[in-house]
Amino acid sequence: MESKERETRKIQDESEKKFQEWLEVKREQEKTNKKVKRKEKEQNERGKQIKQEECEKAFDTWLKQHSNRYRVDDGHSFGYTSGQLTGYHDRAANPVPSFYNPIPWKAVDLPKTKKEIKNKTKKKYIWNPKKYY
């Protein structure tokens, strides 16, 4: 009996030692994985930051180059014929708007029809066995 108990204790001790070793190895692997992921994340953030800075520089240079460009009016052209100002003399140009609505379009609430009201007040179906048997 004592020998079996000793063997079981010995086996349990060995298994605990192996488990502790495995646990240490596993924790070290997790730490290294976390470090690798953190480094990758930092590199991605640095790359994004560098790309953002390059984009901003490119936009600033483009803005400086194109700040003095010729600007077309809003598509409405005027001309002079025989000393008088005419409207849009160019047939390809858009005419000046004759009316501008300061309040944007809004949907109008229409009164409900009788059919819509009836559909809403329908009764729920209740099973009636006498009806079918």
C-alpha atoms as a PDB file:
ATOM      1  CA  MET A   1       0.000   0.000   0.000  1.00  0.00           C
ATOM      2  CA  GLU A   2       2.702   2.399   0.959  1.00  0.00           C
ATOM      3  CA  SER A   3       4.617   1.719  -2.212  1.00  0.00           C
ATOM      4  CA  LYS A   4       1.558   2.522  -4.343  1.00  0.00           C
ATOM      5  CA  GLU A   5       0.993   5.740  -2.437  1.00  0.00           C
ATOM      6  CA  ARG A   6       4.651   6.678  -2.896  1.00  0.00           C
ATOM      7  CA  GLU A   7       4.439   5.957  -6.598  1.00  0.00           C
ATOM      8  CA  THR A   8       1.285   8.016  -6.993  1.00  0.00           C
ATOM      9  CA  ARG A   9       2.846  10.907  -5.038  1.00  0.00           C
ATOM     10  CA  LYS A  10       5.982  10.640  -7.115  1.00  0.00           C
ATOM     11  CA  ILE A  11       3.944  10.651 -10.321  1.00  0.00           C
ATOM     12  CA  GLN A  12       1.918  13.613  -9.078  1.00  0.00           C
ATOM     13  CA  ASP A  13       5.087  15.526  -8.155  1.00  0.00           C
ATOM     14  CA  GLU A  14       6.621  14.840 -11.552  1.00  0.00           C
ATOM     15  CA  SER A  15       3.436  15.847 -13.319  1.00  0.00           C
ATOM     16  CA  GLU A  16       3.267  19.094 -11.303  1.00  0.00           C
ATOM     17  CA  LYS A  17       6.900  19.862 -12.176  1.00  0.00           C
ATOM     18  CA  LYS A  18       6.261  19.200 -15.864  1.00  0.00           C
ATOM     19  CA  PHE A  19       3.124  21.315 -15.737  1.00  0.00           C
ATOM     20  CA  GLN A  20       5.014  24.184 -14.083  1.00  0.00           C
ATOM     21  CA  GLU A  21       7.741  23.962 -16.716  1.00  0.00           C
ATOM     22  CA  TRP A  22       5.158  23.919 -19.484  1.00  0.00           C
ATOM     23  CA  LEU A  23       3.364  26.869 -17.875  1.00  0.00           C
ATOM     24  CA  GLU A  24       6.594  28.886 -17.697  1.00  0.00           C
ATOM     25  CA  VAL A  25       7.355  28.137 -21.341  1.00  0.00           C
ATOM     26  CA  LYS A  26       3.807  29.091 -22.314  1.00  0.00           C
ATOM     27  CA  ARG A  27       3.983  32.381 -20.397  1.00  0.00           C
ATOM     28  CA  GLU A  28       7.311  33.232 -22.045  1.00  0.00           C
ATOM     29  CA  GLN A  29       5.789  32.531 -25.452  1.00  0.00           C
ATOM     30  CA  GLU A  30       2.850  34.789 -24.638  1.00  0.00           C
ATOM     31  CA  LYS A  31       5.215  37.559 -23.544  1.00  0.00           C
ATOM     32  CA  THR A  32       7.251  37.282 -26.731  1.00  0.00           C
ATOM     33  CA  ASN A  33       4.056  37.240 -28.834  1.00  0.00           C
ATOM     34  CA  LYS A  34       2.823  40.365 -27.060  1.00  0.00           C
ATOM     35  CA  LYS A  35       6.171  42.091 -27.653  1.00  0.00           C
ATOM     36  CA  VAL A  36       6.122  41.172 -31.334  1.00  0.00           C
ATOM     37  CA  LYS A  37       2.536  42.393 -31.738  1.00  0.00           C
ATOM     38  CA  ARG A  38       3.332  45.625 -29.907  1.00  0.00           C
ATOM     39  CA  LYS A  39       6.361  46.242 -32.143  1.00  0.00           C
ATOM     40  CA  GLU A  40       4.308  45.552 -35.266  1.00  0.00           C
ATOM     41  CA  LYS A  41       1.598  47.911 -34.064  1.00  0.00           C
ATOM     42  CA  GLU A  42       4.157  50.644 -33.345  1.00  0.00           C
ATOM     43  CA  GLN A  43       5.687  50.169 -36.801  1.00  0.00           C
ATOM     44  CA  ASN A  44       2.255  50.401 -38.427  1.00  0.00           C
ATOM     45  CA  GLU A  45       1.515  53.577 -36.480  1.00  0.00           C
ATOM     46  CA  ARG A  46       4.867  55.070 -37.481  1.00  0.00           C
ATOM     47  CA  GLY A  47       4.223  54.140 -41.098  1.00  0.00           C
ATOM     48  CA  LYS A  48       0.771  55.733 -40.992  1.00  0.00           C
ATOM     49  CA  GLN A  49       2.190  58.862 -39.370  1.00  0.00           C
ATOM     50  CA  ILE A  50       4.948  59.148 -41.984  1.00  0.00           C
ATOM     51  CA  LYS A  51       2.443  58.625 -44.782  1.00  0.00           C
ATOM     52  CA  GLN A  52       0.142  61.271 -43.275  1.00  0.00           C
ATOM     53  CA  GLU A  53       3.017  63.758 -43.086  1.00  0.00           C
ATOM     54  CA  GLU A  54       4.001  63.053 -46.699  1.00  0.00           C
ATOM     55  CA  CYS A  55       0.406  63.514 -47.823  1.00  0.00           C
ATOM     56  CA  GLU A  56       0.142  66.806 -45.960  1.00  0.00           C
ATOM     57  CA  LYS A  57       3.396  68.034 -47.524  1.00  0.00           C
ATOM     58  CA  ALA A  58       2.212  67.023 -50.984  1.00  0.00           C
ATOM     59  CA  PHE A  59      -1.100  68.792 -50.435  1.00  0.00           C
ATOM     60  CA  ASP A  60       0.649  71.945 -49.213  1.00  0.00           C
ATOM     61  CA  THR A  61       2.917  72.013 -52.271  1.00  0.00           C
ATOM     62  CA  TRP A  62      -0.074  71.420 -54.562  1.00  0.00           C
ATOM     63  CA  LEU A  63      -1.988  74.200 -52.815  1.00  0.00           C
ATOM     64  CA  LYS A  64       0.917  76.614 -53.210  1.00  0.00           C
ATOM     65  CA  GLN A  65       1.285  75.778 -56.899  1.00  0.00           C
ATOM     66  CA  HIS A  66      -2.409  76.117 -57.660  1.00  0.00           C
ATOM     67  CA  SER A  67      -3.314  79.069 -55.454  1.00  0.00           C
ATOM     68  CA  ASN A  68      -2.926  81.566 -58.310  1.00  0.00           C
ATOM     69  CA  ARG A  69      -4.900  79.607 -60.859  1.00  0.00           C
ATOM     70  CA  TYR A  70      -7.530  81.184 -63.027  1.00  0.00           C
ATOM     71  CA  ARG A  71     -10.911  80.728 -61.408  1.00  0.00           C
ATOM     72  CA  VAL A  72     -14.007  80.397 -63.496  1.00  0.00           C
ATOM     73  CA  ASP A  73     -17.072  82.227 -62.312  1.00  0.00           C
ATOM     74  CA  ASP A  74     -20.007  80.123 -61.229  1.00  0.00           C
ATOM     75  CA  GLY A  75     -20.965  79.292 -64.817  1.00  0.00           C
ATOM     76  CA  HIS A  76     -22.837  82.484 -65.607  1.00  0.00           C
ATOM     77  CA  SER A  77     -21.319  84.610 -68.322  1.00  0.00           C
ATOM     78  CA  PHE A  78     -22.188  88.135 -69.333  1.00  0.00           C
ATOM     79  CA  GLY A  79     -21.214  90.022 -72.415  1.00  0.00           C
ATOM     80  CA  TYR A  80     -21.507  93.428 -74.067  1.00  0.00           C
ATOM     81  CA  THR A  81     -23.046  93.843 -77.473  1.00  0.00           C
ATOM     82  CA  SER A  82     -23.141  97.307 -79.022  1.00  0.00           C
ATOM     83  CA  GLY A  83     -22.428  98.886 -75.642  1.00  0.00           C
ATOM     84  CA  GLN A  84     -25.265  97.198 -73.753  1.00  0.00           C
ATOM     85  CA  LEU A  85     -24.920  94.487 -71.140  1.00  0.00           C
ATOM     86  CA  THR A  86     -26.547  91.284 -72.256  1.00  0.00           C
ATOM     87  CA  GLY A  87     -27.351  88.200 -70.243  1.00  0.00           C
ATOM     88  CA  TYR A  88     -25.593  84.968 -70.938  1.00  0.00           C
ATOM     89  CA  HIS A  89     -24.404  85.526 -74.478  1.00  0.00           C
ATOM     90  CA  ASP A  90     -22.731  82.151 -74.655  1.00  0.00           C
ATOM     91  CA  ARG A  91     -25.249  79.428 -75.411  1.00  0.00           C
ATOM     92  CA  ALA A  92     -23.010  76.867 -73.670  1.00  0.00           C
ATOM     93  CA  ALA A  93     -23.098  78.828 -70.398  1.00  0.00           C
ATOM     94  CA  ASN A  94     -25.735  78.311 -67.752  1.00  0.00           C
ATOM     95  CA  PRO A  95     -28.282  81.093 -67.291  1.00  0.00           C
ATOM     96  CA  VAL A  96     -28.526  83.065 -64.070  1.00  0.00           C
ATOM     97  CA  PRO A  97     -31.054  81.437 -61.767  1.00  0.00           C
ATOM     98  CA  SER A  98     -34.291  83.376 -61.751  1.00  0.00           C
ATOM     99  CA  PHE A  99     -35.420  82.166 -58.326  1.00  0.00           C
ATOM    100  CA  TYR A 100     -33.667  80.809 -55.274  1.00  0.00           C
ATOM    101  CA  ASN A 101     -35.746  79.120 -52.591  1.00  0.00           C
ATOM    102  CA  PRO A 102     -34.230  79.978 -49.195  1.00  0.00           C
ATOM    103  CA  ILE A 103     -36.212  77.192 -47.508  1.00  0.00           C
ATOM    104  CA  PRO A 104     -35.269  73.764 -48.842  1.00  0.00           C
ATOM    105  CA  TRP A 105     -37.907  71.321 -49.998  1.00  0.00           C
ATOM    106  CA  LYS A 106     -39.774  69.507 -47.272  1.00  0.00           C
ATOM    107  CA  ALA A 107     -42.249  66.677 -47.596  1.00  0.00           C
ATOM    108  CA  VAL A 108     -45.852  67.629 -47.114  1.00  0.00           C
ATOM    109  CA  ASP A 109     -47.881  65.598 -44.655  1.00  0.00           C
ATOM    110  CA  LEU A 110     -50.917  64.346 -46.532  1.00  0.00           C
ATOM    111  CA  PRO A 111     -54.092  63.318 -44.727  1.00  0.00           C
ATOM    112  CA  LYS A 112     -54.532  59.583 -44.495  1.00  0.00           C
ATOM    113  CA  THR A 113     -57.081  57.922 -46.721  1.00  0.00           C
ATOM    114  CA  LYS A 114     -59.912  55.775 -45.443  1.00  0.00           C
ATOM    115  CA  LYS A 115     -58.197  52.615 -46.683  1.00  0.00           C
ATOM    116  CA  GLU A 116     -55.052  53.306 -44.691  1.00  0.00           C
ATOM    117  CA  ILE A 117     -57.089  53.962 -41.577  1.00  0.00           C
ATOM    118  CA  LYS A 118     -59.064  50.747 -42.062  1.00  0.00           C
ATOM    119  CA  ASN A 119     -55.895  48.689 -42.548  1.00  0.00           C
ATOM    120  CA  LYS A 120     -54.538  49.842 -39.237  1.00  0.00           C
ATOM    121  CA  THR A 121     -57.691  48.959 -37.310  1.00  0.00           C
ATOM    122  CA  LYS A 122     -57.918  45.351 -38.485  1.00  0.00           C
ATOM    123  CA  LYS A 123     -58.618  42.806 -35.799  1.00  0.00           C
ATOM    124  CA  LYS A 124     -56.166  40.042 -35.111  1.00  0.00           C
ATOM    125  CA  TYR A 125     -57.182  36.618 -36.349  1.00  0.00           C
ATOM    126  CA  ILE A 126     -58.468  34.287 -33.657  1.00  0.00           C
ATOM    127  CA  TRP A 127     -58.668  30.568 -34.342  1.00  0.00           C
ATOM    128  CA  ASN A 128     -62.235  29.288 -34.348  1.00  0.00           C
ATOM    129  CA  PRO A 129     -62.453  25.456 -34.523  1.00  0.00           C
ATOM    130  CA  LYS A 130     -66.236  25.512 -34.956  1.00  0.00           C
ATOM    131  CA  LYS A 131     -65.771  27.312 -38.234  1.00  0.00           C
ATOM    132  CA  TYR A 132     -63.836  24.449 -39.800  1.00  0.00           C
ATOM    133  CA  TYR A 133     -65.429  21.355 -38.210  1.00  0.00           C
END
